[in-house]
Amino acid sequence: MVAERRSELNPIARYFMELKAEWYKITFPDRKELTRSTIVVFIFTLLVTTVIAAYDFLVSLIFGRLFG
């Protein structure tokens, strides 16, 4: 009966009904997990930024000595 009703709806209405059903399946992280994940992302970003800056410095130094 529900399947028949869904097939009668237009595609846009069916999309939003399915979207609402999927929305209730989402589990959001608690505050502790969110804080921990944020710290991990921040540290990883600092690490990658430091590595890129070091490579940039070394390449600039090498090219400066070769062509400067």
PDB file of N, CA and C in Angstrom:
ATOM      1  N   MET A   1       0.824  -1.185   0.000  1.00  0.00           N
ATOM      2  CA  MET A   1       0.000   0.000   0.000  1.00  0.00           C
ATOM      3  C   MET A   1       0.873   1.256   0.000  1.00  0.00           C
ATOM      4  N   VAL A   2       1.907   1.276   0.830  1.00  0.00           N
ATOM      5  CA  VAL A   2       2.805   2.425   0.873  1.00  0.00           C
ATOM      6  C   VAL A   2       3.580   2.522  -0.432  1.00  0.00           C
ATOM      7  N   ALA A   3       3.987   1.374  -0.969  1.00  0.00           N
ATOM      8  CA  ALA A   3       4.726   1.373  -2.233  1.00  0.00           C
ATOM      9  C   ALA A   3       3.855   1.912  -3.360  1.00  0.00           C
ATOM     10  N   GLU A   4       2.562   1.574  -3.342  1.00  0.00           N
ATOM     11  CA  GLU A   4       1.655   2.094  -4.364  1.00  0.00           C
ATOM     12  C   GLU A   4       1.525   3.603  -4.239  1.00  0.00           C
ATOM     13  N   ARG A   5       1.452   4.088  -3.018  1.00  0.00           N
ATOM     14  CA  ARG A   5       1.308   5.523  -2.790  1.00  0.00           C
ATOM     15  C   ARG A   5       2.557   6.260  -3.263  1.00  0.00           C
ATOM     16  N   ARG A   6       3.722   5.701  -3.005  1.00  0.00           N
ATOM     17  CA  ARG A   6       4.966   6.344  -3.424  1.00  0.00           C
ATOM     18  C   ARG A   6       5.077   6.401  -4.939  1.00  0.00           C
ATOM     19  N   SER A   7       4.618   5.369  -5.610  1.00  0.00           N
ATOM     20  CA  SER A   7       4.712   5.366  -7.066  1.00  0.00           C
ATOM     21  C   SER A   7       3.746   6.368  -7.682  1.00  0.00           C
ATOM     22  N   GLU A   8       2.673   6.734  -6.957  1.00  0.00           N
ATOM     23  CA  GLU A   8       1.711   7.705  -7.464  1.00  0.00           C
ATOM     24  C   GLU A   8       2.214   9.136  -7.327  1.00  0.00           C
ATOM     25  N   LEU A   9       3.151   9.393  -6.420  1.00  0.00           N
ATOM     26  CA  LEU A   9       3.657  10.744  -6.213  1.00  0.00           C
ATOM     27  C   LEU A   9       4.551  11.169  -7.367  1.00  0.00           C
ATOM     28  N   ASN A  10       4.598  12.481  -7.566  1.00  0.00           N
ATOM     29  CA  ASN A  10       5.522  12.952  -8.596  1.00  0.00           C
ATOM     30  C   ASN A  10       6.951  12.804  -8.088  1.00  0.00           C
ATOM     31  N   PRO A  11       7.920  12.818  -8.970  1.00  0.00           N
ATOM     32  CA  PRO A  11       9.310  12.553  -8.568  1.00  0.00           C
ATOM     33  C   PRO A  11       9.852  13.537  -7.537  1.00  0.00           C
ATOM     34  N   ILE A  12       9.455  14.789  -7.602  1.00  0.00           N
ATOM     35  CA  ILE A  12       9.970  15.779  -6.653  1.00  0.00           C
ATOM     36  C   ILE A  12       9.445  15.500  -5.251  1.00  0.00           C
ATOM     37  N   ALA A  13       8.169  15.204  -5.127  1.00  0.00           N
ATOM     38  CA  ALA A  13       7.598  14.892  -3.815  1.00  0.00           C
ATOM     39  C   ALA A  13       8.210  13.612  -3.253  1.00  0.00           C
ATOM     40  N   ARG A  14       8.408  12.618  -4.120  1.00  0.00           N
ATOM     41  CA  ARG A  14       9.014  11.364  -3.673  1.00  0.00           C
ATOM     42  C   ARG A  14      10.445  11.600  -3.199  1.00  0.00           C
ATOM     43  N   TYR A  15      11.167  12.463  -3.918  1.00  0.00           N
ATOM     44  CA  TYR A  15      12.539  12.786  -3.522  1.00  0.00           C
ATOM     45  C   TYR A  15      12.576  13.361  -2.108  1.00  0.00           C
ATOM     46  N   PHE A  16      11.685  14.316  -1.825  1.00  0.00           N
ATOM     47  CA  PHE A  16      11.698  14.939  -0.505  1.00  0.00           C
ATOM     48  C   PHE A  16      11.219  13.990   0.590  1.00  0.00           C
ATOM     49  N   MET A  17      10.322  13.094   0.272  1.00  0.00           N
ATOM     50  CA  MET A  17       9.906  12.096   1.263  1.00  0.00           C
ATOM     51  C   MET A  17      11.068  11.167   1.605  1.00  0.00           C
ATOM     52  N   GLU A  18      11.796  10.735   0.571  1.00  0.00           N
ATOM     53  CA  GLU A  18      12.946   9.863   0.808  1.00  0.00           C
ATOM     54  C   GLU A  18      14.072  10.615   1.511  1.00  0.00           C
ATOM     55  N   LEU A  19      14.226  11.891   1.186  1.00  0.00           N
ATOM     56  CA  LEU A  19      15.233  12.715   1.850  1.00  0.00           C
ATOM     57  C   LEU A  19      14.941  12.814   3.346  1.00  0.00           C
ATOM     58  N   LYS A  20      13.697  13.033   3.696  1.00  0.00           N
ATOM     59  CA  LYS A  20      13.310  13.120   5.103  1.00  0.00           C
ATOM     60  C   LYS A  20      13.558  11.792   5.817  1.00  0.00           C
ATOM     61  N   ALA A  21      13.248  10.691   5.145  1.00  0.00           N
ATOM     62  CA  ALA A  21      13.471   9.372   5.748  1.00  0.00           C
ATOM     63  C   ALA A  21      14.961   9.129   5.982  1.00  0.00           C
ATOM     64  N   GLU A  22      15.796   9.523   5.036  1.00  0.00           N
ATOM     65  CA  GLU A  22      17.244   9.350   5.195  1.00  0.00           C
ATOM     66  C   GLU A  22      17.803  10.285   6.260  1.00  0.00           C
ATOM     67  N   TRP A  23      17.221  11.466   6.393  1.00  0.00           N
ATOM     68  CA  TRP A  23      17.712  12.443   7.372  1.00  0.00           C
ATOM     69  C   TRP A  23      17.643  11.883   8.786  1.00  0.00           C
ATOM     70  N   TYR A  24      16.602  11.124   9.070  1.00  0.00           N
ATOM     71  CA  TYR A  24      16.450  10.568  10.416  1.00  0.00           C
ATOM     72  C   TYR A  24      17.426   9.422  10.690  1.00  0.00           C
ATOM     73  N   LYS A  25      18.089   8.911   9.656  1.00  0.00           N
ATOM     74  CA  LYS A  25      19.074   7.845   9.839  1.00  0.00           C
ATOM     75  C   LYS A  25      20.458   8.390  10.187  1.00  0.00           C
ATOM     76  N   ILE A  26      20.654   9.692  10.034  1.00  0.00           N
ATOM     77  CA  ILE A  26      21.960  10.297  10.277  1.00  0.00           C
ATOM     78  C   ILE A  26      22.259  10.300  11.771  1.00  0.00           C
ATOM     79  N   THR A  27      23.493   9.945  12.115  1.00  0.00           N
ATOM     80  CA  THR A  27      23.941  10.061  13.501  1.00  0.00           C
ATOM     81  C   THR A  27      25.048  11.105  13.557  1.00  0.00           C
ATOM     82  N   PHE A  28      24.852  12.096  14.364  1.00  0.00           N
ATOM     83  CA  PHE A  28      25.819  13.168  14.499  1.00  0.00           C
ATOM     84  C   PHE A  28      26.758  12.863  15.665  1.00  0.00           C
ATOM     85  N   PRO A  29      28.021  13.316  15.564  1.00  0.00           N
ATOM     86  CA  PRO A  29      28.969  13.044  16.654  1.00  0.00           C
ATOM     87  C   PRO A  29      28.619  13.847  17.903  1.00  0.00           C
ATOM     88  N   ASP A  30      28.978  13.291  19.059  1.00  0.00           N
ATOM     89  CA  ASP A  30      28.778  14.047  20.291  1.00  0.00           C
ATOM     90  C   ASP A  30      29.888  15.093  20.418  1.00  0.00           C
ATOM     91  N   ARG A  31      29.790  15.922  21.420  1.00  0.00           N
ATOM     92  CA  ARG A  31      30.721  17.046  21.575  1.00  0.00           C
ATOM     93  C   ARG A  31      32.172  16.582  21.727  1.00  0.00           C
ATOM     94  N   LYS A  32      32.383  15.513  22.489  1.00  0.00           N
ATOM     95  CA  LYS A  32      33.740  15.010  22.724  1.00  0.00           C
ATOM     96  C   LYS A  32      34.371  14.512  21.418  1.00  0.00           C
ATOM     97  N   GLU A  33      33.620  13.748  20.654  1.00  0.00           N
ATOM     98  CA  GLU A  33      34.130  13.225  19.386  1.00  0.00           C
ATOM     99  C   GLU A  33      34.374  14.354  18.385  1.00  0.00           C
ATOM    100  N   LEU A  34      33.491  15.327  18.361  1.00  0.00           N
ATOM    101  CA  LEU A  34      33.655  16.470  17.459  1.00  0.00           C
ATOM    102  C   LEU A  34      34.896  17.277  17.816  1.00  0.00           C
ATOM    103  N   THR A  35      35.122  17.491  19.108  1.00  0.00           N
ATOM    104  CA  THR A  35      36.307  18.226  19.558  1.00  0.00           C
ATOM    105  C   THR A  35      37.576  17.466  19.191  1.00  0.00           C
ATOM    106  N   ARG A  36      37.580  16.176  19.421  1.00  0.00           N
ATOM    107  CA  ARG A  36      38.749  15.356  19.096  1.00  0.00           C
ATOM    108  C   ARG A  36      39.039  15.379  17.593  1.00  0.00           C
ATOM    109  N   SER A  37      38.016  15.257  16.778  1.00  0.00           N
ATOM    110  CA  SER A  37      38.203  15.288  15.327  1.00  0.00           C
ATOM    111  C   SER A  37      38.707  16.644  14.859  1.00  0.00           C
ATOM    112  N   THR A  38      38.206  17.707  15.462  1.00  0.00           N
ATOM    113  CA  THR A  38      38.648  19.051  15.102  1.00  0.00           C
ATOM    114  C   THR A  38      40.124  19.234  15.425  1.00  0.00           C
ATOM    115  N   ILE A  39      40.551  18.741  16.570  1.00  0.00           N
ATOM    116  CA  ILE A  39      41.964  18.848  16.959  1.00  0.00           C
ATOM    117  C   ILE A  39      42.842  18.057  15.987  1.00  0.00           C
ATOM    118  N   VAL A  40      42.408  16.868  15.606  1.00  0.00           N
ATOM    119  CA  VAL A  40      43.175  16.052  14.659  1.00  0.00           C
ATOM    120  C   VAL A  40      43.308  16.774  13.320  1.00  0.00           C
ATOM    121  N   VAL A  41      42.235  17.344  12.829  1.00  0.00           N
ATOM    122  CA  VAL A  41      42.280  18.075  11.557  1.00  0.00           C
ATOM    123  C   VAL A  41      43.196  19.281  11.673  1.00  0.00           C
ATOM    124  N   PHE A  42      43.130  20.003  12.779  1.00  0.00           N
ATOM    125  CA  PHE A  42      43.976  21.179  12.985  1.00  0.00           C
ATOM    126  C   PHE A  42      45.458  20.792  12.997  1.00  0.00           C
ATOM    127  N   ILE A  43      45.805  19.732  13.722  1.00  0.00           N
ATOM    128  CA  ILE A  43      47.200  19.280  13.790  1.00  0.00           C
ATOM    129  C   ILE A  43      47.680  18.806  12.419  1.00  0.00           C
ATOM    130  N   PHE A  44      46.858  18.057  11.716  1.00  0.00           N
ATOM    131  CA  PHE A  44      47.225  17.589  10.386  1.00  0.00           C
ATOM    132  C   PHE A  44      47.437  18.764   9.436  1.00  0.00           C
ATOM    133  N   THR A  45      46.582  19.776   9.519  1.00  0.00           N
ATOM    134  CA  THR A  45      46.734  20.961   8.675  1.00  0.00           C
ATOM    135  C   THR A  45      48.034  21.684   8.985  1.00  0.00           C
ATOM    136  N   LEU A  46      48.362  21.826  10.260  1.00  0.00           N
ATOM    137  CA  LEU A  46      49.634  22.453  10.632  1.00  0.00           C
ATOM    138  C   LEU A  46      50.823  21.651  10.113  1.00  0.00           C
ATOM    139  N   LEU A  47      50.742  20.339  10.208  1.00  0.00           N
ATOM    140  CA  LEU A  47      51.823  19.478   9.735  1.00  0.00           C
ATOM    141  C   LEU A  47      52.025  19.622   8.229  1.00  0.00           C
ATOM    142  N   VAL A  48      50.954  19.553   7.475  1.00  0.00           N
ATOM    143  CA  VAL A  48      51.053  19.676   6.018  1.00  0.00           C
ATOM    144  C   VAL A  48      51.546  21.063   5.633  1.00  0.00           C
ATOM    145  N   THR A  49      51.062  22.097   6.313  1.00  0.00           N
ATOM    146  CA  THR A  49      51.521  23.459   6.039  1.00  0.00           C
ATOM    147  C   THR A  49      53.010  23.599   6.314  1.00  0.00           C
ATOM    148  N   THR A  50      53.484  23.015   7.390  1.00  0.00           N
ATOM    149  CA  THR A  50      54.907  23.071   7.727  1.00  0.00           C
ATOM    150  C   THR A  50      55.751  22.361   6.677  1.00  0.00           C
ATOM    151  N   VAL A  51      55.313  21.204   6.230  1.00  0.00           N
ATOM    152  CA  VAL A  51      56.052  20.460   5.206  1.00  0.00           C
ATOM    153  C   VAL A  51      56.107  21.251   3.903  1.00  0.00           C
ATOM    154  N   ILE A  52      54.993  21.809   3.480  1.00  0.00           N
ATOM    155  CA  ILE A  52      54.972  22.599   2.242  1.00  0.00           C
ATOM    156  C   ILE A  52      55.855  23.831   2.377  1.00  0.00           C
ATOM    157  N   ALA A  53      55.804  24.499   3.516  1.00  0.00           N
ATOM    158  CA  ALA A  53      56.649  25.682   3.735  1.00  0.00           C
ATOM    159  C   ALA A  53      58.125  25.306   3.714  1.00  0.00           C
ATOM    160  N   ALA A  54      58.485  24.167   4.292  1.00  0.00           N
ATOM    161  CA  ALA A  54      59.880  23.722   4.290  1.00  0.00           C
ATOM    162  C   ALA A  54      60.352  23.425   2.870  1.00  0.00           C
ATOM    163  N   TYR A  55      59.529  22.726   2.092  1.00  0.00           N
ATOM    164  CA  TYR A  55      59.892  22.465   0.697  1.00  0.00           C
ATOM    165  C   TYR A  55      60.033  23.772  -0.078  1.00  0.00           C
ATOM    166  N   ASP A  56      59.125  24.691   0.122  1.00  0.00           N
ATOM    167  CA  ASP A  56      59.187  25.981  -0.562  1.00  0.00           C
ATOM    168  C   ASP A  56      60.466  26.722  -0.193  1.00  0.00           C
ATOM    169  N   PHE A  57      60.806  26.719   1.075  1.00  0.00           N
ATOM    170  CA  PHE A  57      62.026  27.392   1.526  1.00  0.00           C
ATOM    171  C   PHE A  57      63.261  26.760   0.889  1.00  0.00           C
ATOM    172  N   LEU A  58      63.325  25.429   0.899  1.00  0.00           N
ATOM    173  CA  LEU A  58      64.482  24.740   0.324  1.00  0.00           C
ATOM    174  C   LEU A  58      64.602  24.973  -1.182  1.00  0.00           C
ATOM    175  N   VAL A  59      63.497  24.897  -1.892  1.00  0.00           N
ATOM    176  CA  VAL A  59      63.531  25.132  -3.338  1.00  0.00           C
ATOM    177  C   VAL A  59      63.935  26.570  -3.621  1.00  0.00           C
ATOM    178  N   SER A  60      63.408  27.520  -2.869  1.00  0.00           N
ATOM    179  CA  SER A  60      63.790  28.925  -3.051  1.00  0.00           C
ATOM    180  C   SER A  60      65.274  29.121  -2.762  1.00  0.00           C
ATOM    181  N   LEU A  61      65.765  28.482  -1.734  1.00  0.00           N
ATOM    182  CA  LEU A  61      67.180  28.583  -1.380  1.00  0.00           C
ATOM    183  C   LEU A  61      68.068  27.996  -2.482  1.00  0.00           C
ATOM    184  N   ILE A  62      67.688  26.832  -2.979  1.00  0.00           N
ATOM    185  CA  ILE A  62      68.475  26.181  -4.034  1.00  0.00           C
ATOM    186  C   ILE A  62      68.478  27.018  -5.311  1.00  0.00           C
ATOM    187  N   PHE A  63      67.301  27.468  -5.744  1.00  0.00           N
ATOM    188  CA  PHE A  63      67.239  28.269  -6.967  1.00  0.00           C
ATOM    189  C   PHE A  63      67.900  29.630  -6.782  1.00  0.00           C
ATOM    190  N   GLY A  64      67.827  30.166  -5.585  1.00  0.00           N
ATOM    191  CA  GLY A  64      68.499  31.438  -5.306  1.00  0.00           C
ATOM    192  C   GLY A  64      70.007  31.311  -5.434  1.00  0.00           C
ATOM    193  N   ARG A  65      70.540  30.204  -4.966  1.00  0.00           N
ATOM    194  CA  ARG A  65      71.998  29.982  -5.058  1.00  0.00           C
ATOM    195  C   ARG A  65      72.426  29.642  -6.483  1.00  0.00           C
ATOM    196  N   LEU A  66      71.581  28.914  -7.202  1.00  0.00           N
ATOM    197  CA  LEU A  66      71.930  28.538  -8.572  1.00  0.00           C
ATOM    198  C   LEU A  66      71.829  29.712  -9.543  1.00  0.00           C
ATOM    199  N   PHE A  67      70.763  30.488  -9.429  1.00  0.00           N
ATOM    200  CA  PHE A  67      70.503  31.539 -10.417  1.00  0.00           C
ATOM    201  C   PHE A  67      70.620  32.946  -9.853  1.00  0.00           C
ATOM    202  N   GLY A  68      70.911  33.086  -8.572  1.00  0.00           N
ATOM    203  CA  GLY A  68      70.931  34.406  -7.946  1.00  0.00           C
ATOM    204  C   GLY A  68      72.259  35.001  -7.966  1.00  0.00           C
TER     205      GLY A  68
END
